[in-house]
Amino acid sequence: TTVTRAKEVSALTEKFITLAKEENLHNKRLALAFITKEDVVNKLFKEIAPKYAGRNGGYTRIAKLGPRRGDAAEMAIIELI
């Protein structure tokens, strides 16, 4: 993806993982207001968030790849640490 989009995705990912670390009905409903697929929210709360229970932020990493061939847009890969 492009670097700009990766930064936006990273910010949202950080927010939702932090929200999912404390599993309660209110936080689940907040996540469902943005993420419309219930199975994705369940995976976030049951599998992804517990992996980062001892970590205070910094859940994602952006690795820059260089320019895209067609329009020279700066490309990047975003990954969970």
PDB file of N, CA and C in Angstrom:
ATOM      1  N   THR A   1       0.842  -1.176   0.000  1.00  0.00           N
ATOM      2  CA  THR A   1       0.000   0.000   0.000  1.00  0.00           C
ATOM      3  C   THR A   1       0.891   1.245   0.000  1.00  0.00           C
ATOM      4  N   THR A   2       0.289   2.403  -0.147  1.00  0.00           N
ATOM      5  CA  THR A   2       1.073   3.633  -0.124  1.00  0.00           C
ATOM      6  C   THR A   2       1.419   3.985   1.325  1.00  0.00           C
ATOM      7  N   VAL A   3       2.430   4.805   1.496  1.00  0.00           N
ATOM      8  CA  VAL A   3       2.883   5.182   2.840  1.00  0.00           C
ATOM      9  C   VAL A   3       1.781   5.935   3.583  1.00  0.00           C
ATOM     10  N   THR A   4       1.093   6.828   2.899  1.00  0.00           N
ATOM     11  CA  THR A   4       0.025   7.598   3.541  1.00  0.00           C
ATOM     12  C   THR A   4      -1.084   6.688   4.048  1.00  0.00           C
ATOM     13  N   ARG A   5      -1.495   5.749   3.226  1.00  0.00           N
ATOM     14  CA  ARG A   5      -2.545   4.810   3.633  1.00  0.00           C
ATOM     15  C   ARG A   5      -2.047   3.917   4.771  1.00  0.00           C
ATOM     16  N   ALA A   6      -0.801   3.504   4.720  1.00  0.00           N
ATOM     17  CA  ALA A   6      -0.232   2.662   5.777  1.00  0.00           C
ATOM     18  C   ALA A   6      -0.237   3.390   7.115  1.00  0.00           C
ATOM     19  N   LYS A   7       0.052   4.679   7.102  1.00  0.00           N
ATOM     20  CA  LYS A   7       0.038   5.463   8.344  1.00  0.00           C
ATOM     21  C   LYS A   7      -1.373   5.549   8.922  1.00  0.00           C
ATOM     22  N   GLU A   8      -2.367   5.721   8.060  1.00  0.00           N
ATOM     23  CA  GLU A   8      -3.758   5.771   8.518  1.00  0.00           C
ATOM     24  C   GLU A   8      -4.196   4.424   9.093  1.00  0.00           C
ATOM     25  N   VAL A   9      -3.873   3.348   8.392  1.00  0.00           N
ATOM     26  CA  VAL A   9      -4.223   2.004   8.860  1.00  0.00           C
ATOM     27  C   VAL A   9      -3.524   1.714  10.184  1.00  0.00           C
ATOM     28  N   SER A  10      -2.281   2.136  10.310  1.00  0.00           N
ATOM     29  CA  SER A  10      -1.522   1.920  11.538  1.00  0.00           C
ATOM     30  C   SER A  10      -2.195   2.610  12.722  1.00  0.00           C
ATOM     31  N   ALA A  11      -2.614   3.846  12.526  1.00  0.00           N
ATOM     32  CA  ALA A  11      -3.260   4.592  13.610  1.00  0.00           C
ATOM     33  C   ALA A  11      -4.561   3.913  14.044  1.00  0.00           C
ATOM     34  N   LEU A  12      -5.368   3.472  13.083  1.00  0.00           N
ATOM     35  CA  LEU A  12      -6.620   2.788  13.421  1.00  0.00           C
ATOM     36  C   LEU A  12      -6.359   1.451  14.106  1.00  0.00           C
ATOM     37  N   THR A  13      -5.364   0.728  13.624  1.00  0.00           N
ATOM     38  CA  THR A  13      -5.027  -0.566  14.215  1.00  0.00           C
ATOM     39  C   THR A  13      -4.600  -0.402  15.666  1.00  0.00           C
ATOM     40  N   GLU A  14      -3.744   0.583  15.922  1.00  0.00           N
ATOM     41  CA  GLU A  14      -3.293   0.848  17.293  1.00  0.00           C
ATOM     42  C   GLU A  14      -4.496   1.146  18.197  1.00  0.00           C
ATOM     43  N   LYS A  15      -5.401   1.965  17.699  1.00  0.00           N
ATOM     44  CA  LYS A  15      -6.573   2.346  18.489  1.00  0.00           C
ATOM     45  C   LYS A  15      -7.437   1.134  18.825  1.00  0.00           C
ATOM     46  N   PHE A  16      -7.697   0.286  17.835  1.00  0.00           N
ATOM     47  CA  PHE A  16      -8.586  -0.845  18.066  1.00  0.00           C
ATOM     48  C   PHE A  16      -7.944  -1.938  18.910  1.00  0.00           C
ATOM     49  N   ILE A  17      -6.653  -2.159  18.779  1.00  0.00           N
ATOM     50  CA  ILE A  17      -5.996  -3.157  19.630  1.00  0.00           C
ATOM     51  C   ILE A  17      -6.003  -2.685  21.076  1.00  0.00           C
ATOM     52  N   THR A  18      -5.737  -1.401  21.294  1.00  0.00           N
ATOM     53  CA  THR A  18      -5.781  -0.856  22.649  1.00  0.00           C
ATOM     54  C   THR A  18      -7.190  -0.974  23.225  1.00  0.00           C
ATOM     55  N   LEU A  19      -8.193  -0.716  22.409  1.00  0.00           N
ATOM     56  CA  LEU A  19      -9.583  -0.841  22.843  1.00  0.00           C
ATOM     57  C   LEU A  19      -9.917  -2.291  23.197  1.00  0.00           C
ATOM     58  N   ALA A  20      -9.430  -3.233  22.404  1.00  0.00           N
ATOM     59  CA  ALA A  20      -9.767  -4.648  22.587  1.00  0.00           C
ATOM     60  C   ALA A  20      -9.017  -5.292  23.748  1.00  0.00           C
ATOM     61  N   LYS A  21      -7.976  -4.651  24.251  1.00  0.00           N
ATOM     62  CA  LYS A  21      -7.228  -5.235  25.369  1.00  0.00           C
ATOM     63  C   LYS A  21      -8.096  -5.355  26.613  1.00  0.00           C
ATOM     64  N   GLU A  22      -9.054  -4.449  26.774  1.00  0.00           N
ATOM     65  CA  GLU A  22     -10.005  -4.544  27.881  1.00  0.00           C
ATOM     66  C   GLU A  22     -11.333  -5.010  27.291  1.00  0.00           C
ATOM     67  N   GLU A  23     -11.606  -6.293  27.428  1.00  0.00           N
ATOM     68  CA  GLU A  23     -12.795  -6.864  26.789  1.00  0.00           C
ATOM     69  C   GLU A  23     -14.030  -6.649  27.645  1.00  0.00           C
ATOM     70  N   ASN A  24     -14.890  -5.772  27.179  1.00  0.00           N
ATOM     71  CA  ASN A  24     -16.201  -5.593  27.792  1.00  0.00           C
ATOM     72  C   ASN A  24     -17.203  -5.231  26.699  1.00  0.00           C
ATOM     73  N   LEU A  25     -18.455  -5.219  27.034  1.00  0.00           N
ATOM     74  CA  LEU A  25     -19.510  -5.007  26.046  1.00  0.00           C
ATOM     75  C   LEU A  25     -19.409  -3.632  25.394  1.00  0.00           C
ATOM     76  N   HIS A  26     -19.095  -2.619  26.176  1.00  0.00           N
ATOM     77  CA  HIS A  26     -18.992  -1.260  25.636  1.00  0.00           C
ATOM     78  C   HIS A  26     -17.898  -1.173  24.573  1.00  0.00           C
ATOM     79  N   ASN A  27     -16.721  -1.714  24.880  1.00  0.00           N
ATOM     80  CA  ASN A  27     -15.625  -1.671  23.913  1.00  0.00           C
ATOM     81  C   ASN A  27     -15.948  -2.488  22.661  1.00  0.00           C
ATOM     82  N   LYS A  28     -16.625  -3.605  22.845  1.00  0.00           N
ATOM     83  CA  LYS A  28     -17.006  -4.426  21.692  1.00  0.00           C
ATOM     84  C   LYS A  28     -17.985  -3.671  20.792  1.00  0.00           C
ATOM     85  N   ARG A  29     -18.917  -2.955  21.396  1.00  0.00           N
ATOM     86  CA  ARG A  29     -19.869  -2.172  20.599  1.00  0.00           C
ATOM     87  C   ARG A  29     -19.187  -1.001  19.902  1.00  0.00           C
ATOM     88  N   LEU A  30     -18.207  -0.383  20.553  1.00  0.00           N
ATOM     89  CA  LEU A  30     -17.444   0.684  19.901  1.00  0.00           C
ATOM     90  C   LEU A  30     -16.715   0.151  18.676  1.00  0.00           C
ATOM     91  N   ALA A  31     -16.132  -1.024  18.803  1.00  0.00           N
ATOM     92  CA  ALA A  31     -15.430  -1.633  17.671  1.00  0.00           C
ATOM     93  C   ALA A  31     -16.409  -2.005  16.562  1.00  0.00           C
ATOM     94  N   LEU A  32     -17.567  -2.542  16.927  1.00  0.00           N
ATOM     95  CA  LEU A  32     -18.571  -2.925  15.926  1.00  0.00           C
ATOM     96  C   LEU A  32     -19.161  -1.720  15.197  1.00  0.00           C
ATOM     97  N   ALA A  33     -19.090  -0.541  15.800  1.00  0.00           N
ATOM     98  CA  ALA A  33     -19.581   0.661  15.132  1.00  0.00           C
ATOM     99  C   ALA A  33     -18.708   1.007  13.927  1.00  0.00           C
ATOM    100  N   PHE A  34     -17.447   0.613  13.957  1.00  0.00           N
ATOM    101  CA  PHE A  34     -16.527   0.917  12.853  1.00  0.00           C
ATOM    102  C   PHE A  34     -16.257  -0.305  11.991  1.00  0.00           C
ATOM    103  N   ILE A  35     -15.979  -1.433  12.639  1.00  0.00           N
ATOM    104  CA  ILE A  35     -15.719  -2.689  11.925  1.00  0.00           C
ATOM    105  C   ILE A  35     -17.050  -3.426  11.832  1.00  0.00           C
ATOM    106  N   THR A  36     -17.587  -3.558  10.645  1.00  0.00           N
ATOM    107  CA  THR A  36     -18.953  -4.069  10.508  1.00  0.00           C
ATOM    108  C   THR A  36     -19.061  -5.585  10.579  1.00  0.00           C
ATOM    109  N   LYS A  37     -17.969  -6.307  10.390  1.00  0.00           N
ATOM    110  CA  LYS A  37     -18.030  -7.774  10.420  1.00  0.00           C
ATOM    111  C   LYS A  37     -17.766  -8.274  11.835  1.00  0.00           C
ATOM    112  N   GLU A  38     -18.756  -8.962  12.376  1.00  0.00           N
ATOM    113  CA  GLU A  38     -18.678  -9.409  13.766  1.00  0.00           C
ATOM    114  C   GLU A  38     -17.575 -10.438  13.981  1.00  0.00           C
ATOM    115  N   ASP A  39     -17.308 -11.289  12.995  1.00  0.00           N
ATOM    116  CA  ASP A  39     -16.254 -12.284  13.161  1.00  0.00           C
ATOM    117  C   ASP A  39     -14.873 -11.636  13.234  1.00  0.00           C
ATOM    118  N   VAL A  40     -14.684 -10.513  12.558  1.00  0.00           N
ATOM    119  CA  VAL A  40     -13.412  -9.785  12.630  1.00  0.00           C
ATOM    120  C   VAL A  40     -13.236  -9.178  14.019  1.00  0.00           C
ATOM    121  N   VAL A  41     -14.310  -8.619  14.567  1.00  0.00           N
ATOM    122  CA  VAL A  41     -14.253  -8.039  15.913  1.00  0.00           C
ATOM    123  C   VAL A  41     -13.981  -9.133  16.942  1.00  0.00           C
ATOM    124  N   ASN A  42     -14.621 -10.288  16.795  1.00  0.00           N
ATOM    125  CA  ASN A  42     -14.377 -11.393  17.724  1.00  0.00           C
ATOM    126  C   ASN A  42     -12.927 -11.847  17.668  1.00  0.00           C
ATOM    127  N   LYS A  43     -12.356 -11.931  16.474  1.00  0.00           N
ATOM    128  CA  LYS A  43     -10.954 -12.316  16.341  1.00  0.00           C
ATOM    129  C   LYS A  43     -10.048 -11.271  16.991  1.00  0.00           C
ATOM    130  N   LEU A  44     -10.384  -9.994  16.820  1.00  0.00           N
ATOM    131  CA  LEU A  44      -9.617  -8.916  17.438  1.00  0.00           C
ATOM    132  C   LEU A  44      -9.602  -9.063  18.954  1.00  0.00           C
ATOM    133  N   PHE A  45     -10.762  -9.325  19.551  1.00  0.00           N
ATOM    134  CA  PHE A  45     -10.864  -9.408  21.003  1.00  0.00           C
ATOM    135  C   PHE A  45     -10.319 -10.721  21.562  1.00  0.00           C
ATOM    136  N   LYS A  46     -10.489 -11.826  20.841  1.00  0.00           N
ATOM    137  CA  LYS A  46     -10.119 -13.145  21.368  1.00  0.00           C
ATOM    138  C   LYS A  46      -8.695 -13.573  21.018  1.00  0.00           C
ATOM    139  N   GLU A  47      -8.178 -13.192  19.849  1.00  0.00           N
ATOM    140  CA  GLU A  47      -6.873 -13.681  19.406  1.00  0.00           C
ATOM    141  C   GLU A  47      -5.794 -12.601  19.347  1.00  0.00           C
ATOM    142  N   ILE A  48      -6.112 -11.466  18.743  1.00  0.00           N
ATOM    143  CA  ILE A  48      -5.083 -10.457  18.489  1.00  0.00           C
ATOM    144  C   ILE A  48      -4.735  -9.667  19.750  1.00  0.00           C
ATOM    145  N   ALA A  49      -5.738  -9.113  20.430  1.00  0.00           N
ATOM    146  CA  ALA A  49      -5.488  -8.274  21.602  1.00  0.00           C
ATOM    147  C   ALA A  49      -4.753  -8.996  22.731  1.00  0.00           C
ATOM    148  N   PRO A  50      -5.063 -10.268  23.049  1.00  0.00           N
ATOM    149  CA  PRO A  50      -4.321 -10.935  24.129  1.00  0.00           C
ATOM    150  C   PRO A  50      -2.819 -11.066  23.859  1.00  0.00           C
ATOM    151  N   LYS A  51      -2.415 -11.103  22.595  1.00  0.00           N
ATOM    152  CA  LYS A  51      -0.987 -11.178  22.271  1.00  0.00           C
ATOM    153  C   LYS A  51      -0.239  -9.925  22.712  1.00  0.00           C
ATOM    154  N   TYR A  52      -0.951  -8.798  22.761  1.00  0.00           N
ATOM    155  CA  TYR A  52      -0.323  -7.518  23.083  1.00  0.00           C
ATOM    156  C   TYR A  52      -0.705  -7.021  24.474  1.00  0.00           C
ATOM    157  N   ALA A  53      -1.128  -7.923  25.348  1.00  0.00           N
ATOM    158  CA  ALA A  53      -1.588  -7.532  26.682  1.00  0.00           C
ATOM    159  C   ALA A  53      -0.497  -6.828  27.488  1.00  0.00           C
ATOM    160  N   GLY A  54       0.742  -7.253  27.338  1.00  0.00           N
ATOM    161  CA  GLY A  54       1.829  -6.656  28.102  1.00  0.00           C
ATOM    162  C   GLY A  54       2.523  -5.511  27.400  1.00  0.00           C
ATOM    163  N   ARG A  55       2.029  -5.093  26.270  1.00  0.00           N
ATOM    164  CA  ARG A  55       2.683  -4.054  25.472  1.00  0.00           C
ATOM    165  C   ARG A  55       1.824  -2.787  25.472  1.00  0.00           C
ATOM    166  N   ASN A  56       2.452  -1.658  25.697  1.00  0.00           N
ATOM    167  CA  ASN A  56       1.739  -0.381  25.729  1.00  0.00           C
ATOM    168  C   ASN A  56       1.938   0.376  24.420  1.00  0.00           C
ATOM    169  N   GLY A  57       1.235  -0.027  23.391  1.00  0.00           N
ATOM    170  CA  GLY A  57       1.336   0.660  22.106  1.00  0.00           C
ATOM    171  C   GLY A  57       2.458   0.111  21.254  1.00  0.00           C
ATOM    172  N   GLY A  58       2.566   0.629  20.051  1.00  0.00           N
ATOM    173  CA  GLY A  58       3.596   0.183  19.124  1.00  0.00           C
ATOM    174  C   GLY A  58       3.336  -1.212  18.606  1.00  0.00           C
ATOM    175  N   TYR A  59       2.102  -1.485  18.185  1.00  0.00           N
ATOM    176  CA  TYR A  59       1.728  -2.826  17.742  1.00  0.00           C
ATOM    177  C   TYR A  59       2.020  -3.056  16.269  1.00  0.00           C
ATOM    178  N   THR A  60       2.242  -1.986  15.513  1.00  0.00           N
ATOM    179  CA  THR A  60       2.444  -2.113  14.070  1.00  0.00           C
ATOM    180  C   THR A  60       3.800  -1.555  13.661  1.00  0.00           C
ATOM    181  N   ARG A  61       4.228  -1.991  12.492  1.00  0.00           N
ATOM    182  CA  ARG A  61       5.491  -1.526  11.921  1.00  0.00           C
ATOM    183  C   ARG A  61       5.234  -1.207  10.451  1.00  0.00           C
ATOM    184  N   ILE A  62       5.797  -0.103   9.971  1.00  0.00           N
ATOM    185  CA  ILE A  62       5.685   0.270   8.564  1.00  0.00           C
ATOM    186  C   ILE A  62       7.074   0.183   7.947  1.00  0.00           C
ATOM    187  N   ALA A  63       7.205  -0.657   6.919  1.00  0.00           N
ATOM    188  CA  ALA A  63       8.476  -0.806   6.203  1.00  0.00           C
ATOM    189  C   ALA A  63       8.308  -0.198   4.813  1.00  0.00           C
ATOM    190  N   LYS A  64       9.125   0.790   4.500  1.00  0.00           N
ATOM    191  CA  LYS A  64       9.029   1.453   3.199  1.00  0.00           C
ATOM    192  C   LYS A  64       9.723   0.615   2.133  1.00  0.00           C
ATOM    193  N   LEU A  65       9.103   0.552   0.950  1.00  0.00           N
ATOM    194  CA  LEU A  65       9.596  -0.289  -0.136  1.00  0.00           C
ATOM    195  C   LEU A  65      10.238   0.490  -1.272  1.00  0.00           C
ATOM    196  N   GLY A  66       9.954   1.760  -1.392  1.00  0.00           N
ATOM    197  CA  GLY A  66      10.435   2.538  -2.525  1.00  0.00           C
ATOM    198  C   GLY A  66       9.275   2.920  -3.424  1.00  0.00           C
ATOM    199  N   PRO A  67       9.559   3.589  -4.527  1.00  0.00           N
ATOM    200  CA  PRO A  67       8.480   4.089  -5.388  1.00  0.00           C
ATOM    201  C   PRO A  67       7.827   2.994  -6.229  1.00  0.00           C
ATOM    202  N   ARG A  68       6.532   3.177  -6.481  1.00  0.00           N
ATOM    203  CA  ARG A  68       5.785   2.282  -7.366  1.00  0.00           C
ATOM    204  C   ARG A  68       6.165   2.609  -8.809  1.00  0.00           C
ATOM    205  N   ARG A  69       6.190   1.598  -9.638  1.00  0.00           N
ATOM    206  CA  ARG A  69       6.670   1.758 -11.002  1.00  0.00           C
ATOM    207  C   ARG A  69       5.786   2.675 -11.860  1.00  0.00           C
ATOM    208  N   GLY A  70       4.491   2.564 -11.747  1.00  0.00           N
ATOM    209  CA  GLY A  70       3.598   3.311 -12.625  1.00  0.00           C
ATOM    210  C   GLY A  70       3.556   4.802 -12.366  1.00  0.00           C
ATOM    211  N   ASP A  71       3.367   5.191 -11.100  1.00  0.00           N
ATOM    212  CA  ASP A  71       3.202   6.610 -10.794  1.00  0.00           C
ATOM    213  C   ASP A  71       4.202   7.128  -9.761  1.00  0.00           C
ATOM    214  N   ALA A  72       5.170   6.322  -9.399  1.00  0.00           N
ATOM    215  CA  ALA A  72       6.237   6.694  -8.460  1.00  0.00           C
ATOM    216  C   ALA A  72       5.711   7.042  -7.067  1.00  0.00           C
ATOM    217  N   ALA A  73       4.548   6.500  -6.704  1.00  0.00           N
ATOM    218  CA  ALA A  73       4.031   6.701  -5.351  1.00  0.00           C
ATOM    219  C   ALA A  73       4.869   5.864  -4.384  1.00  0.00           C
ATOM    220  N   GLU A  74       5.196   6.438  -3.243  1.00  0.00           N
ATOM    221  CA  GLU A  74       6.012   5.748  -2.245  1.00  0.00           C
ATOM    222  C   GLU A  74       5.201   4.602  -1.641  1.00  0.00           C
ATOM    223  N   MET A  75       5.738   3.388  -1.690  1.00  0.00           N
ATOM    224  CA  MET A  75       5.027   2.197  -1.235  1.00  0.00           C
ATOM    225  C   MET A  75       5.568   1.726   0.118  1.00  0.00           C
ATOM    226  N   ALA A  76       4.720   0.993   0.849  1.00  0.00           N
ATOM    227  CA  ALA A  76       5.104   0.498   2.168  1.00  0.00           C
ATOM    228  C   ALA A  76       4.329  -0.773   2.491  1.00  0.00           C
ATOM    229  N   ILE A  77       4.884  -1.541   3.424  1.00  0.00           N
ATOM    230  CA  ILE A  77       4.208  -2.720   3.970  1.00  0.00           C
ATOM    231  C   ILE A  77       3.938  -2.424   5.439  1.00  0.00           C
ATOM    232  N   ILE A  78       2.721  -2.730   5.882  1.00  0.00           N
ATOM    233  CA  ILE A  78       2.387  -2.568   7.295  1.00  0.00           C
ATOM    234  C   ILE A  78       2.220  -3.956   7.891  1.00  0.00           C
ATOM    235  N   GLU A  79       2.777  -4.166   9.088  1.00  0.00           N
ATOM    236  CA  GLU A  79       2.698  -5.480   9.716  1.00  0.00           C
ATOM    237  C   GLU A  79       2.549  -5.343  11.224  1.00  0.00           C
ATOM    238  N   LEU A  80       1.913  -6.339  11.816  1.00  0.00           N
ATOM    239  CA  LEU A  80       1.815  -6.404  13.272  1.00  0.00           C
ATOM    240  C   LEU A  80       3.133  -6.940  13.811  1.00  0.00           C
ATOM    241  N   ILE A  81       3.591  -6.360  14.902  1.00  0.00           N
ATOM    242  CA  ILE A  81       4.860  -6.794  15.494  1.00  0.00           C
ATOM    243  C   ILE A  81       4.627  -8.032  16.321  1.00  0.00           C
TER     244      ILE A  81
END
